[in-house]
N, C-alpha and C. Protein backbone atom coordinates (compact mmCIF):
# COMPACT_ATOMS: atom_id res chain seq x y z
N MET A 1 67.56 158.60 100.60
CA MET A 1 68.83 159.32 100.50
C MET A 1 68.60 160.82 100.41
N ARG A 2 67.59 161.23 99.62
CA ARG A 2 67.32 162.67 99.49
C ARG A 2 66.82 163.24 100.79
N SER A 3 65.98 162.51 101.54
CA SER A 3 65.49 163.01 102.81
C SER A 3 66.63 163.17 103.81
N PHE A 4 67.59 162.26 103.75
CA PHE A 4 68.75 162.37 104.64
C PHE A 4 69.57 163.61 104.32
N GLN A 5 69.77 163.89 103.04
CA GLN A 5 70.52 165.08 102.66
C GLN A 5 69.78 166.35 103.04
N VAL A 6 68.42 166.39 102.87
CA VAL A 6 67.65 167.59 103.25
C VAL A 6 67.73 167.82 104.73
N GLN A 7 67.61 166.73 105.52
CA GLN A 7 67.68 166.87 106.96
C GLN A 7 69.05 167.35 107.39
N ALA A 8 70.10 166.87 106.74
CA ALA A 8 71.45 167.32 107.07
C ALA A 8 71.64 168.78 106.72
N ALA A 9 71.04 169.24 105.61
CA ALA A 9 71.16 170.65 105.23
C ALA A 9 70.43 171.53 106.23
N ARG A 10 69.28 171.09 106.72
CA ARG A 10 68.55 171.88 107.71
C ARG A 10 69.33 172.00 109.02
N ASN A 11 70.09 170.99 109.36
CA ASN A 11 70.87 171.04 110.59
C ASN A 11 72.19 171.78 110.41
N GLY A 12 72.42 172.36 109.26
CA GLY A 12 73.65 173.11 109.02
C GLY A 12 74.84 172.25 108.70
N GLU A 13 74.60 170.98 108.38
CA GLU A 13 75.70 170.10 108.03
C GLU A 13 75.86 170.02 106.54
N THR A 14 77.06 169.64 106.16
CA THR A 14 77.33 169.48 104.73
C THR A 14 77.06 168.05 104.34
N PRO A 15 76.08 167.79 103.58
CA PRO A 15 75.78 166.40 103.21
C PRO A 15 76.88 165.83 102.35
N SER A 16 77.22 164.56 102.64
CA SER A 16 78.26 163.90 101.85
C SER A 16 77.65 163.42 100.55
N PRO A 17 78.20 163.86 99.47
CA PRO A 17 77.61 163.46 98.17
C PRO A 17 77.80 161.98 97.94
N SER A 18 76.79 161.34 97.44
CA SER A 18 76.89 159.92 97.12
C SER A 18 77.68 159.76 95.83
N PRO A 19 78.46 158.71 95.72
CA PRO A 19 79.26 158.53 94.50
C PRO A 19 78.36 158.33 93.30
N PRO A 20 78.77 158.83 92.18
CA PRO A 20 77.98 158.63 90.97
C PRO A 20 77.70 157.16 90.74
N HIS A 21 76.61 156.92 90.04
CA HIS A 21 76.18 155.54 89.83
C HIS A 21 77.19 154.76 89.00
N HIS A 22 77.79 155.41 88.01
CA HIS A 22 78.74 154.69 87.17
C HIS A 22 80.02 154.36 87.93
N GLN A 23 80.44 155.23 88.90
CA GLN A 23 81.62 154.94 89.68
C GLN A 23 81.35 153.76 90.62
N HIS A 24 80.16 153.73 91.17
CA HIS A 24 79.81 152.62 92.05
C HIS A 24 79.83 151.30 91.30
N ARG A 25 79.34 151.31 90.07
CA ARG A 25 79.34 150.09 89.26
C ARG A 25 80.76 149.68 88.89
N GLN A 26 81.64 150.67 88.64
CA GLN A 26 83.04 150.35 88.32
C GLN A 26 83.75 149.71 89.50
N GLN A 27 83.46 150.23 90.73
CA GLN A 27 84.07 149.66 91.92
C GLN A 27 83.62 148.22 92.12
N GLN A 28 82.32 147.99 91.93
CA GLN A 28 81.83 146.63 92.05
C GLN A 28 82.44 145.72 90.99
N HIS A 29 82.56 146.23 89.78
CA HIS A 29 83.15 145.42 88.70
C HIS A 29 84.61 145.11 88.99
N HIS A 30 85.35 146.11 89.55
CA HIS A 30 86.76 145.90 89.88
C HIS A 30 86.91 144.85 90.97
N HIS A 31 86.04 144.93 91.99
CA HIS A 31 86.09 143.95 93.07
C HIS A 31 85.71 142.57 92.55
N HIS A 32 84.77 142.53 91.64
CA HIS A 32 84.33 141.25 91.09
C HIS A 32 85.44 140.59 90.26
N ASN A 33 86.26 141.40 89.62
CA ASN A 33 87.35 140.85 88.80
C ASN A 33 88.50 140.35 89.66
N GLN A 34 88.73 140.99 90.83
CA GLN A 34 89.86 140.59 91.65
C GLN A 34 89.61 139.25 92.34
N THR A 35 88.40 139.04 92.86
CA THR A 35 88.12 137.85 93.64
C THR A 35 88.27 136.55 92.85
N PRO A 36 87.69 136.43 91.66
CA PRO A 36 87.86 135.19 90.92
C PRO A 36 89.29 134.91 90.51
N PHE A 37 90.11 135.94 90.39
CA PHE A 37 91.50 135.71 90.01
C PHE A 37 92.20 134.87 91.06
N HIS A 38 92.05 135.26 92.34
CA HIS A 38 92.70 134.51 93.40
C HIS A 38 92.08 133.13 93.59
N SER A 39 90.78 133.04 93.50
CA SER A 39 90.13 131.75 93.69
C SER A 39 90.49 130.79 92.55
N THR A 40 90.57 131.31 91.33
CA THR A 40 90.94 130.45 90.20
C THR A 40 92.37 129.95 90.35
N LEU A 41 93.28 130.80 90.81
CA LEU A 41 94.66 130.39 91.03
C LEU A 41 94.74 129.31 92.11
N SER A 42 93.96 129.46 93.16
CA SER A 42 93.95 128.48 94.24
C SER A 42 93.40 127.14 93.75
N VAL A 43 92.34 127.20 92.97
CA VAL A 43 91.74 125.97 92.44
C VAL A 43 92.73 125.25 91.53
N GLN A 44 93.47 125.98 90.73
CA GLN A 44 94.45 125.36 89.84
C GLN A 44 95.58 124.69 90.62
N LYS A 45 96.04 125.35 91.68
CA LYS A 45 97.08 124.76 92.51
C LYS A 45 96.58 123.50 93.20
N LEU A 46 95.37 123.56 93.72
CA LEU A 46 94.79 122.40 94.38
C LEU A 46 94.58 121.26 93.39
N ARG A 47 94.18 121.58 92.18
CA ARG A 47 93.96 120.54 91.17
C ARG A 47 95.28 119.88 90.78
N ARG A 48 96.35 120.66 90.64
CA ARG A 48 97.65 120.06 90.34
C ARG A 48 98.12 119.15 91.47
N PHE A 49 97.90 119.59 92.70
CA PHE A 49 98.29 118.79 93.86
C PHE A 49 97.52 117.47 93.89
N ASN A 50 96.21 117.55 93.67
CA ASN A 50 95.39 116.34 93.65
C ASN A 50 95.73 115.44 92.47
N SER A 51 96.14 116.03 91.36
CA SER A 51 96.55 115.22 90.21
C SER A 51 97.82 114.44 90.53
N LEU A 52 98.74 115.05 91.28
CA LEU A 52 99.95 114.34 91.69
C LEU A 52 99.60 113.18 92.61
N ILE A 53 98.67 113.41 93.54
CA ILE A 53 98.22 112.32 94.40
C ILE A 53 97.61 111.19 93.57
N PHE A 54 96.83 111.56 92.56
CA PHE A 54 96.20 110.55 91.71
C PHE A 54 97.25 109.70 90.99
N VAL A 55 98.32 110.32 90.52
CA VAL A 55 99.39 109.58 89.84
C VAL A 55 100.02 108.57 90.79
N PHE A 56 100.28 108.98 92.03
CA PHE A 56 100.85 108.05 93.01
C PHE A 56 99.87 106.92 93.34
N ARG A 57 98.58 107.27 93.44
CA ARG A 57 97.57 106.24 93.70
C ARG A 57 97.53 105.23 92.54
N LEU A 58 97.58 105.74 91.33
CA LEU A 58 97.55 104.87 90.16
C LEU A 58 98.75 103.94 90.13
N ALA A 59 99.93 104.47 90.45
CA ALA A 59 101.13 103.65 90.46
C ALA A 59 101.06 102.60 91.56
N ALA A 60 100.59 102.99 92.75
CA ALA A 60 100.45 102.03 93.84
C ALA A 60 99.47 100.92 93.48
N PHE A 61 98.37 101.29 92.84
CA PHE A 61 97.40 100.28 92.42
C PHE A 61 98.00 99.34 91.38
N SER A 62 98.69 99.89 90.41
CA SER A 62 99.23 99.08 89.32
C SER A 62 100.24 98.05 89.85
N PHE A 63 101.16 98.51 90.69
CA PHE A 63 102.20 97.59 91.19
C PHE A 63 101.62 96.57 92.17
N SER A 64 100.73 97.00 93.04
CA SER A 64 100.15 96.06 94.01
C SER A 64 99.27 95.03 93.31
N PHE A 65 98.50 95.49 92.33
CA PHE A 65 97.65 94.55 91.59
C PHE A 65 98.50 93.56 90.80
N ALA A 66 99.56 94.04 90.16
CA ALA A 66 100.45 93.15 89.41
C ALA A 66 101.13 92.15 90.33
N SER A 67 101.51 92.60 91.52
CA SER A 67 102.14 91.70 92.48
C SER A 67 101.20 90.58 92.90
N SER A 68 99.95 90.93 93.18
CA SER A 68 98.99 89.90 93.59
C SER A 68 98.70 88.93 92.45
N VAL A 69 98.66 89.42 91.21
CA VAL A 69 98.42 88.54 90.07
C VAL A 69 99.60 87.60 89.85
N PHE A 70 100.81 88.11 89.95
CA PHE A 70 102.00 87.26 89.77
C PHE A 70 102.05 86.18 90.84
N MET A 71 101.69 86.54 92.08
CA MET A 71 101.72 85.53 93.13
C MET A 71 100.58 84.54 92.98
N LEU A 72 99.42 85.01 92.57
CA LEU A 72 98.26 84.14 92.41
C LEU A 72 98.47 83.09 91.33
N THR A 73 99.17 83.44 90.28
CA THR A 73 99.39 82.54 89.15
C THR A 73 100.68 81.74 89.26
N ASN A 74 101.33 81.81 90.42
CA ASN A 74 102.62 81.14 90.59
C ASN A 74 102.40 79.68 90.99
N SER A 75 101.98 78.88 90.04
CA SER A 75 101.79 77.44 90.25
C SER A 75 102.12 76.74 88.94
N ARG A 76 102.98 75.73 89.02
CA ARG A 76 103.51 75.10 87.81
C ARG A 76 103.09 73.64 87.67
N GLY A 77 102.03 73.24 88.30
CA GLY A 77 101.60 71.85 88.20
C GLY A 77 101.76 71.13 89.52
N SER A 78 101.40 69.86 89.53
CA SER A 78 101.40 69.09 90.77
C SER A 78 102.80 68.86 91.32
N ALA A 79 103.78 68.78 90.46
CA ALA A 79 105.15 68.53 90.92
C ALA A 79 105.84 69.80 91.41
N SER A 80 105.29 70.94 91.09
CA SER A 80 105.92 72.22 91.45
C SER A 80 105.31 72.75 92.75
N PRO A 81 106.06 73.52 93.51
CA PRO A 81 105.49 74.14 94.71
C PRO A 81 104.37 75.12 94.34
N ARG A 82 103.49 75.35 95.27
CA ARG A 82 102.39 76.30 95.08
C ARG A 82 102.55 77.43 96.08
N TRP A 83 102.19 78.61 95.64
CA TRP A 83 102.39 79.77 96.51
C TRP A 83 101.60 79.67 97.80
N TYR A 84 100.42 79.07 97.76
CA TYR A 84 99.60 79.00 98.96
C TYR A 84 100.08 77.94 99.95
N ASP A 85 101.12 77.19 99.59
CA ASP A 85 101.73 76.26 100.54
C ASP A 85 102.62 76.98 101.55
N PHE A 86 102.89 78.28 101.32
CA PHE A 86 103.79 79.04 102.17
C PHE A 86 103.03 80.23 102.78
N ASP A 87 103.12 80.34 104.10
CA ASP A 87 102.39 81.41 104.80
C ASP A 87 102.84 82.80 104.34
N ALA A 88 104.14 82.97 104.15
CA ALA A 88 104.66 84.28 103.77
C ALA A 88 104.15 84.70 102.39
N PHE A 89 104.07 83.77 101.46
CA PHE A 89 103.58 84.10 100.12
C PHE A 89 102.07 84.39 100.14
N ARG A 90 101.33 83.69 101.01
CA ARG A 90 99.91 84.02 101.16
C ARG A 90 99.76 85.42 101.73
N PHE A 91 100.65 85.78 102.63
CA PHE A 91 100.63 87.13 103.20
C PHE A 91 100.93 88.17 102.13
N VAL A 92 101.89 87.88 101.26
CA VAL A 92 102.23 88.80 100.17
C VAL A 92 101.03 89.01 99.26
N PHE A 93 100.37 87.90 98.89
CA PHE A 93 99.20 88.02 98.01
C PHE A 93 98.08 88.82 98.67
N ALA A 94 97.75 88.50 99.91
CA ALA A 94 96.64 89.17 100.60
C ALA A 94 96.92 90.66 100.79
N ALA A 95 98.13 91.00 101.22
CA ALA A 95 98.47 92.40 101.48
C ALA A 95 98.41 93.22 100.20
N ASN A 96 98.95 92.69 99.11
CA ASN A 96 98.95 93.44 97.86
C ASN A 96 97.55 93.54 97.26
N ALA A 97 96.73 92.51 97.43
CA ALA A 97 95.36 92.58 96.94
C ALA A 97 94.57 93.64 97.71
N ILE A 98 94.75 93.67 99.03
CA ILE A 98 94.06 94.68 99.84
C ILE A 98 94.54 96.08 99.48
N ALA A 99 95.85 96.25 99.32
CA ALA A 99 96.39 97.56 98.96
C ALA A 99 95.90 98.00 97.58
N ALA A 100 95.75 97.05 96.65
CA ALA A 100 95.26 97.39 95.32
C ALA A 100 93.81 97.86 95.39
N LEU A 101 92.98 97.19 96.17
CA LEU A 101 91.59 97.61 96.32
C LEU A 101 91.49 98.99 96.98
N TYR A 102 92.32 99.20 98.00
CA TYR A 102 92.32 100.51 98.65
C TYR A 102 92.78 101.60 97.70
N SER A 103 93.82 101.35 96.94
CA SER A 103 94.32 102.35 95.99
C SER A 103 93.29 102.64 94.91
N LEU A 104 92.54 101.61 94.51
CA LEU A 104 91.49 101.82 93.51
C LEU A 104 90.40 102.75 94.07
N PHE A 105 90.02 102.53 95.31
CA PHE A 105 89.04 103.42 95.95
C PHE A 105 89.56 104.85 96.03
N GLU A 106 90.83 105.00 96.41
CA GLU A 106 91.41 106.33 96.53
C GLU A 106 91.54 107.01 95.16
N MET A 107 91.73 106.24 94.11
CA MET A 107 91.74 106.82 92.77
C MET A 107 90.37 107.41 92.43
N VAL A 108 89.33 106.68 92.78
CA VAL A 108 87.97 107.19 92.55
C VAL A 108 87.74 108.46 93.35
N ALA A 109 88.20 108.48 94.60
CA ALA A 109 88.05 109.67 95.43
C ALA A 109 88.84 110.85 94.85
N SER A 110 90.01 110.58 94.31
CA SER A 110 90.82 111.65 93.71
C SER A 110 90.15 112.21 92.46
N VAL A 111 89.62 111.33 91.62
CA VAL A 111 88.92 111.80 90.43
C VAL A 111 87.70 112.63 90.81
N TRP A 112 86.99 112.19 91.82
CA TRP A 112 85.84 112.94 92.31
C TRP A 112 86.25 114.33 92.76
N GLU A 113 87.35 114.42 93.52
CA GLU A 113 87.80 115.72 94.03
C GLU A 113 88.32 116.61 92.92
N ILE A 114 89.02 116.04 91.95
CA ILE A 114 89.54 116.85 90.85
C ILE A 114 88.41 117.39 89.98
N SER A 115 87.43 116.56 89.71
CA SER A 115 86.35 116.96 88.80
C SER A 115 85.33 117.88 89.46
N ARG A 116 85.07 117.68 90.76
CA ARG A 116 84.02 118.45 91.43
C ARG A 116 84.54 119.50 92.40
N GLY A 117 85.81 119.43 92.75
CA GLY A 117 86.38 120.42 93.65
C GLY A 117 86.06 120.20 95.11
N VAL A 118 85.42 119.09 95.45
CA VAL A 118 85.08 118.77 96.84
C VAL A 118 85.50 117.34 97.12
N THR A 119 85.69 117.03 98.40
CA THR A 119 86.08 115.69 98.78
C THR A 119 84.88 114.74 98.77
N LEU A 120 85.16 113.46 98.62
CA LEU A 120 84.09 112.46 98.58
C LEU A 120 83.39 112.38 99.93
N PHE A 121 84.15 112.37 101.01
CA PHE A 121 83.62 112.43 102.36
C PHE A 121 83.72 113.88 102.84
N PRO A 122 83.13 114.22 103.98
CA PRO A 122 83.39 115.54 104.58
C PRO A 122 84.89 115.76 104.75
N GLU A 123 85.32 116.99 104.56
CA GLU A 123 86.76 117.27 104.44
C GLU A 123 87.57 116.76 105.62
N VAL A 124 87.11 117.02 106.83
CA VAL A 124 87.87 116.59 108.01
C VAL A 124 87.98 115.07 108.07
N LEU A 125 86.92 114.38 107.65
CA LEU A 125 86.96 112.92 107.63
C LEU A 125 87.86 112.42 106.51
N GLN A 126 87.82 113.08 105.36
CA GLN A 126 88.60 112.64 104.20
C GLN A 126 90.09 112.73 104.45
N VAL A 127 90.57 113.85 105.00
CA VAL A 127 92.01 114.02 105.19
C VAL A 127 92.55 113.01 106.21
N TRP A 128 91.81 112.76 107.28
CA TRP A 128 92.27 111.79 108.28
C TRP A 128 92.11 110.36 107.78
N PHE A 129 91.06 110.09 107.01
CA PHE A 129 90.87 108.75 106.43
C PHE A 129 92.03 108.42 105.49
N ASP A 130 92.39 109.34 104.62
CA ASP A 130 93.48 109.10 103.66
C ASP A 130 94.80 108.87 104.38
N PHE A 131 95.12 109.74 105.31
CA PHE A 131 96.41 109.65 105.99
C PHE A 131 96.50 108.38 106.83
N GLY A 132 95.45 108.08 107.59
CA GLY A 132 95.48 106.90 108.45
C GLY A 132 95.59 105.60 107.66
N HIS A 133 94.79 105.48 106.60
CA HIS A 133 94.82 104.25 105.82
C HIS A 133 96.08 104.14 104.97
N ASP A 134 96.62 105.26 104.52
CA ASP A 134 97.91 105.21 103.82
C ASP A 134 98.98 104.62 104.72
N GLN A 135 99.00 105.05 105.97
CA GLN A 135 99.99 104.53 106.91
C GLN A 135 99.80 103.04 107.16
N VAL A 136 98.56 102.65 107.41
CA VAL A 136 98.29 101.25 107.74
C VAL A 136 98.66 100.32 106.58
N PHE A 137 98.21 100.67 105.37
CA PHE A 137 98.44 99.76 104.24
C PHE A 137 99.89 99.82 103.75
N ALA A 138 100.56 100.94 103.95
CA ALA A 138 101.98 101.00 103.59
C ALA A 138 102.79 100.06 104.49
N TYR A 139 102.53 100.09 105.79
CA TYR A 139 103.23 99.19 106.70
C TYR A 139 102.82 97.73 106.47
N LEU A 140 101.57 97.52 106.08
CA LEU A 140 101.12 96.17 105.75
C LEU A 140 101.91 95.61 104.57
N LEU A 141 102.07 96.41 103.52
CA LEU A 141 102.85 95.97 102.36
C LEU A 141 104.31 95.72 102.73
N LEU A 142 104.87 96.62 103.53
CA LEU A 142 106.27 96.46 103.92
C LEU A 142 106.47 95.18 104.71
N SER A 143 105.56 94.90 105.64
CA SER A 143 105.68 93.68 106.44
C SER A 143 105.55 92.43 105.58
N ALA A 144 104.55 92.43 104.68
CA ALA A 144 104.31 91.26 103.85
C ALA A 144 105.48 91.00 102.90
N ASP A 145 105.95 92.04 102.23
CA ASP A 145 107.04 91.85 101.27
C ASP A 145 108.36 91.52 101.96
N SER A 146 108.55 92.02 103.17
CA SER A 146 109.74 91.64 103.93
C SER A 146 109.70 90.17 104.31
N ALA A 147 108.51 89.71 104.73
CA ALA A 147 108.36 88.28 105.05
C ALA A 147 108.55 87.43 103.79
N GLY A 148 108.04 87.87 102.67
CA GLY A 148 108.23 87.15 101.42
C GLY A 148 109.69 87.10 101.00
N THR A 149 110.40 88.19 101.22
CA THR A 149 111.83 88.22 100.88
C THR A 149 112.61 87.23 101.73
N ALA A 150 112.30 87.18 103.02
CA ALA A 150 112.99 86.23 103.91
C ALA A 150 112.73 84.79 103.48
N LEU A 151 111.49 84.48 103.12
CA LEU A 151 111.17 83.12 102.66
C LEU A 151 111.86 82.81 101.34
N ALA A 152 111.89 83.77 100.43
CA ALA A 152 112.54 83.54 99.14
C ALA A 152 114.03 83.23 99.32
N ARG A 153 114.68 83.88 100.27
CA ARG A 153 116.09 83.60 100.53
C ARG A 153 116.27 82.20 101.09
N VAL A 154 115.35 81.78 101.94
CA VAL A 154 115.43 80.42 102.50
C VAL A 154 115.25 79.38 101.40
N LEU A 155 114.29 79.61 100.51
CA LEU A 155 114.03 78.65 99.44
C LEU A 155 115.21 78.54 98.48
N LYS A 156 115.93 79.64 98.30
CA LYS A 156 117.09 79.58 97.40
C LYS A 156 118.22 78.74 97.99
N GLY A 157 118.25 78.62 99.30
CA GLY A 157 119.25 77.76 99.93
C GLY A 157 118.86 76.31 99.99
N LEU A 158 117.63 76.01 99.60
CA LEU A 158 117.15 74.63 99.58
C LEU A 158 117.08 74.11 98.15
N ASP A 159 116.55 72.91 98.01
CA ASP A 159 116.43 72.32 96.68
C ASP A 159 115.18 72.80 95.94
N THR A 160 114.35 73.62 96.58
CA THR A 160 113.10 74.06 95.96
C THR A 160 113.36 74.85 94.70
N CYS A 161 114.26 75.83 94.79
CA CYS A 161 114.53 76.67 93.63
C CYS A 161 115.36 75.92 92.58
N ASN A 162 116.12 74.92 93.00
CA ASN A 162 116.86 74.14 92.01
C ASN A 162 115.92 73.28 91.18
N ALA A 163 114.88 72.76 91.84
CA ALA A 163 113.93 71.91 91.14
C ALA A 163 112.93 72.71 90.32
N SER A 164 112.61 73.88 90.79
CA SER A 164 111.62 74.72 90.09
C SER A 164 112.08 76.18 90.16
N SER A 165 113.02 76.51 89.29
CA SER A 165 113.57 77.87 89.31
C SER A 165 112.53 78.91 88.88
N ALA A 166 111.61 78.52 87.98
CA ALA A 166 110.60 79.46 87.52
C ALA A 166 109.69 79.90 88.66
N PHE A 167 109.39 78.98 89.57
CA PHE A 167 108.56 79.33 90.72
C PHE A 167 109.23 80.40 91.56
N CYS A 168 110.51 80.25 91.84
CA CYS A 168 111.23 81.22 92.67
C CYS A 168 111.38 82.56 91.95
N VAL A 169 111.61 82.51 90.64
CA VAL A 169 111.75 83.76 89.88
C VAL A 169 110.45 84.55 89.90
N GLN A 170 109.33 83.86 89.69
CA GLN A 170 108.04 84.55 89.69
C GLN A 170 107.71 85.08 91.08
N ALA A 171 108.07 84.34 92.11
CA ALA A 171 107.87 84.83 93.47
C ALA A 171 108.70 86.08 93.73
N ASP A 172 109.94 86.09 93.24
CA ASP A 172 110.79 87.27 93.40
C ASP A 172 110.19 88.48 92.67
N ILE A 173 109.63 88.25 91.49
CA ILE A 173 109.00 89.35 90.74
C ILE A 173 107.80 89.90 91.50
N ALA A 174 106.99 89.00 92.05
CA ALA A 174 105.82 89.44 92.81
C ALA A 174 106.24 90.26 94.03
N ILE A 175 107.27 89.85 94.71
CA ILE A 175 107.75 90.57 95.89
C ILE A 175 108.31 91.94 95.50
N ALA A 176 109.07 91.97 94.40
CA ALA A 176 109.63 93.25 93.94
C ALA A 176 108.53 94.23 93.55
N LEU A 177 107.50 93.74 92.88
CA LEU A 177 106.37 94.60 92.53
C LEU A 177 105.66 95.11 93.79
N GLY A 178 105.59 94.25 94.79
CA GLY A 178 104.99 94.68 96.05
C GLY A 178 105.77 95.79 96.72
N PHE A 179 107.10 95.70 96.67
CA PHE A 179 107.92 96.78 97.23
C PHE A 179 107.71 98.09 96.46
N ALA A 180 107.55 97.99 95.15
CA ALA A 180 107.28 99.19 94.36
C ALA A 180 105.93 99.80 94.75
N GLY A 181 104.93 98.93 94.97
CA GLY A 181 103.64 99.43 95.44
C GLY A 181 103.76 100.12 96.78
N PHE A 182 104.57 99.56 97.67
CA PHE A 182 104.81 100.20 98.97
C PHE A 182 105.46 101.57 98.80
N LEU A 183 106.40 101.68 97.87
CA LEU A 183 107.09 102.94 97.65
C LEU A 183 106.11 104.04 97.25
N PHE A 184 105.25 103.76 96.29
CA PHE A 184 104.31 104.78 95.83
C PHE A 184 103.20 105.04 96.85
N LEU A 185 102.84 104.03 97.60
CA LEU A 185 101.88 104.27 98.68
C LEU A 185 102.51 105.12 99.77
N GLY A 186 103.83 104.96 99.96
CA GLY A 186 104.53 105.84 100.90
C GLY A 186 104.55 107.29 100.43
N PHE A 187 104.75 107.50 99.11
CA PHE A 187 104.68 108.86 98.57
C PHE A 187 103.28 109.46 98.79
N SER A 188 102.26 108.64 98.57
CA SER A 188 100.89 109.11 98.80
C SER A 188 100.69 109.48 100.27
N SER A 189 101.31 108.70 101.15
CA SER A 189 101.20 108.99 102.58
C SER A 189 101.83 110.32 102.94
N LEU A 190 102.93 110.66 102.29
CA LEU A 190 103.57 111.96 102.55
C LEU A 190 102.64 113.11 102.14
N LEU A 191 102.01 112.98 100.99
CA LEU A 191 101.11 114.04 100.53
C LEU A 191 99.85 114.11 101.37
N SER A 192 99.31 112.97 101.78
CA SER A 192 98.14 113.01 102.64
C SER A 192 98.49 113.55 104.02
N GLY A 193 99.72 113.30 104.48
CA GLY A 193 100.17 113.90 105.73
C GLY A 193 100.29 115.41 105.62
N PHE A 194 100.74 115.88 104.46
CA PHE A 194 100.80 117.33 104.22
C PHE A 194 99.40 117.94 104.28
N ARG A 195 98.41 117.25 103.73
CA ARG A 195 97.03 117.74 103.76
C ARG A 195 96.51 117.81 105.19
N VAL A 196 96.86 116.82 106.00
CA VAL A 196 96.44 116.83 107.41
C VAL A 196 97.06 118.00 108.14
N ALA A 197 98.37 118.23 107.92
CA ALA A 197 99.05 119.34 108.58
C ALA A 197 98.44 120.68 108.17
N CYS A 198 98.13 120.84 106.88
CA CYS A 198 97.51 122.08 106.42
C CYS A 198 96.12 122.26 107.02
N PHE A 199 95.40 121.16 107.16
CA PHE A 199 94.06 121.26 107.72
C PHE A 199 94.12 121.66 109.19
N ILE A 200 95.08 121.13 109.93
CA ILE A 200 95.22 121.47 111.33
C ILE A 200 95.63 122.93 111.50
N ILE A 201 96.54 123.40 110.65
CA ILE A 201 97.06 124.77 110.80
C ILE A 201 96.10 125.81 110.21
N ASN A 202 95.58 125.53 109.02
CA ASN A 202 94.82 126.55 108.30
C ASN A 202 93.33 126.28 108.21
N GLY A 203 92.90 125.09 108.64
CA GLY A 203 91.50 124.75 108.48
C GLY A 203 91.12 124.38 107.06
N SER A 204 92.12 124.14 106.22
CA SER A 204 91.90 123.73 104.83
C SER A 204 92.86 122.62 104.50
N ARG A 205 92.49 121.74 103.57
CA ARG A 205 93.32 120.60 103.22
C ARG A 205 94.51 120.97 102.37
N PHE A 206 94.60 122.24 101.98
CA PHE A 206 95.73 122.67 101.16
C PHE A 206 96.09 124.09 101.53
N HIS A 207 97.39 124.39 101.61
CA HIS A 207 97.86 125.73 101.95
C HIS A 207 97.78 126.61 100.72
N LEU A 208 96.77 127.49 100.69
CA LEU A 208 96.53 128.32 99.51
C LEU A 208 97.07 129.73 99.75
């Protein structure tokens, strides 16, 4: 620096004085204070968003798991109908069990992202994986519970529910829980769709 100033003085130029050392350190300190403020705010917003997704995942898991348990235990002895005697009820059980397992996996992924600040899979894979599977399993639940509802209405018009009303009531509860699981999985699908849109537009899974 001194050689540059001497050479500039010899050439008749006015050397530009270098900023004092303490001013340079203050500028660096000021810049250092500004950057973490914005990054911390972004991290907090992203964490709240991911926490909301986790709540929906938890609700979808709880209702789908409860639905599969209610349907699985819907047997009242040899004289009573059994849920596996009906294709629609087997569909209800299978769809809700699959949705519960998927929601459990997504809960783990959400906890991972909240605690570590990164996605479980690479980001581009994670956002598309979440959105695609949310859509598939939401429609799977809707189809299964709709088929179960149609069968339940048919059974109520027959002697099945008159002979074993508890069987039909428990089947209705399982189907209703399945619809609740579909509802919260649909909410999760909306949020995962928002993440996909943000990733396409901004290159990030969240609009910061």
